Amino acid sequence: MFQTTIDPATLRWELRARHFRFLGEGEARILALLVEGYTNSEMAALLGVAPVTVRRRVTELSNKVLAVTPVPNDRDKLRAWVNVHLTCCAVGVHQMIELDQHLA
């Protein structure tokens, strides 16, 4: 059976409590594509970079946002954080998703 190191209630609380308001345009673009469900390879093709670069950027973002919490640093937790913070921290991400600007 799957075991986790953090219970769901604590995970939700930690994700909600971790505000991070300073995201650059490149970070917002990566997060928007991540929320939309793009793979690293698909993001790399859209952004004109190597998949390893996207993987590194996602890892850096995950560390940046979640490092001071007990939440594991991975893309699924980062995606969950973005969904919680679309209106307070990730406004640029929200706009990119809503206006479909991330593909431009």
Protein backbone atom coordinates (compact mmCIF):
# COMPACT_ATOMS: atom_id res chain seq x y z
CA MET A 1 0.00 0.00 0.00
CA PHE A 2 1.17 3.54 -0.76
CA GLN A 3 2.64 5.31 2.26
CA THR A 4 3.11 9.05 2.50
CA THR A 5 5.23 11.10 4.86
CA ILE A 6 2.64 13.87 5.14
CA ASP A 7 -1.06 13.44 5.80
CA PRO A 8 -3.54 15.03 3.36
CA ALA A 9 -4.84 17.63 5.84
CA THR A 10 -1.31 18.82 6.58
CA LEU A 11 -0.50 18.84 2.88
CA ARG A 12 -3.50 21.05 2.10
CA TRP A 13 -2.64 23.40 4.97
CA GLU A 14 1.02 23.68 3.92
CA LEU A 15 0.11 24.32 0.28
CA ARG A 16 -2.36 27.04 1.29
CA ALA A 17 0.03 28.63 3.78
CA ARG A 18 2.99 28.94 1.39
CA HIS A 19 2.55 32.22 -0.43
CA PHE A 20 5.18 33.17 -2.98
CA ARG A 21 4.36 36.37 -4.81
CA PHE A 22 7.51 37.00 -6.84
CA LEU A 23 7.48 34.87 -9.95
CA GLY A 24 9.21 35.93 -13.13
CA GLU A 25 7.60 35.70 -16.56
CA GLY A 26 9.61 32.60 -17.44
CA GLU A 27 8.58 30.94 -14.18
CA ALA A 28 4.95 31.87 -14.80
CA ARG A 29 5.13 30.42 -18.31
CA ILE A 30 6.52 27.10 -17.01
CA LEU A 31 3.86 26.98 -14.28
CA ALA A 32 1.06 27.73 -16.76
CA LEU A 33 2.18 24.89 -19.02
CA LEU A 34 2.55 22.60 -16.00
CA VAL A 35 -0.99 23.36 -14.85
CA GLU A 36 -2.27 22.70 -18.37
CA GLY A 37 -0.74 19.21 -18.16
CA TYR A 38 2.08 19.53 -20.67
CA THR A 39 4.95 17.06 -20.37
CA ASN A 40 8.56 18.23 -20.13
CA SER A 41 9.08 17.33 -23.79
CA GLU A 42 6.00 19.24 -24.90
CA MET A 43 7.00 22.28 -22.83
CA ALA A 44 10.50 22.14 -24.26
CA ALA A 45 9.16 22.13 -27.82
CA LEU A 46 6.87 25.09 -27.12
CA LEU A 47 9.60 27.07 -25.36
CA GLY A 48 12.41 26.15 -27.76
CA VAL A 49 14.64 24.59 -25.09
CA ALA A 50 15.85 21.10 -24.21
CA PRO A 51 13.63 18.82 -22.07
CA VAL A 52 16.40 18.68 -19.47
CA THR A 53 16.17 22.47 -19.16
CA VAL A 54 12.44 22.25 -18.49
CA ARG A 55 13.00 19.49 -15.92
CA ARG A 56 15.61 21.64 -14.18
CA ARG A 57 13.33 24.70 -14.19
CA VAL A 58 10.39 22.72 -12.76
CA THR A 59 12.67 21.32 -10.04
CA GLU A 60 13.98 24.82 -9.25
CA LEU A 61 10.44 26.21 -9.04
CA SER A 62 9.32 23.35 -6.84
CA ASN A 63 12.27 23.95 -4.52
CA LYS A 64 11.70 27.70 -4.53
CA VAL A 65 8.03 27.44 -3.63
CA LEU A 66 7.95 24.37 -1.38
CA ALA A 67 11.44 24.15 0.17
CA VAL A 68 10.51 25.55 3.59
CA THR A 69 7.53 23.21 3.98
CA PRO A 70 7.36 19.48 4.71
CA VAL A 71 5.64 19.08 1.32
CA PRO A 72 7.71 16.90 -1.04
CA ASN A 73 9.22 18.91 -3.89
CA ASP A 74 7.78 17.43 -7.06
CA ARG A 75 5.76 18.57 -10.06
CA ASP A 76 2.44 17.22 -8.77
CA LYS A 77 2.75 19.13 -5.48
CA LEU A 78 3.84 22.23 -7.41
CA ARG A 79 0.79 21.88 -9.67
CA ALA A 80 -1.41 21.58 -6.57
CA TRP A 81 0.20 24.72 -5.11
CA VAL A 82 -0.44 26.68 -8.31
CA ASN A 83 -4.10 25.67 -8.33
CA VAL A 84 -4.46 26.92 -4.74
CA HIS A 85 -2.60 30.18 -5.42
CA LEU A 86 -3.89 31.20 -8.86
CA THR A 87 -5.60 34.31 -7.53
CA CYS A 88 -3.14 35.46 -4.87
CA CYS A 89 0.38 34.49 -5.94
CA ALA A 90 0.22 33.23 -9.49
CA VAL A 91 -1.89 35.94 -11.13
CA GLY A 92 0.35 35.93 -14.21
CA VAL A 93 -0.10 32.19 -14.50
CA HIS A 94 -3.86 32.57 -14.20
CA GLN A 95 -3.88 35.21 -16.94
CA MET A 96 -1.75 33.05 -19.22
CA ILE A 97 -4.11 30.12 -18.76
CA GLU A 98 -7.28 32.17 -19.15
CA LEU A 99 -6.06 34.08 -22.19
CA ASP A 100 -4.16 31.10 -23.64
CA GLN A 101 -1.08 33.32 -23.86
CA HIS A 102 1.25 30.51 -22.88
CA LEU A 103 1.25 29.22 -26.45
CA ALA A 104 2.30 32.56 -27.96
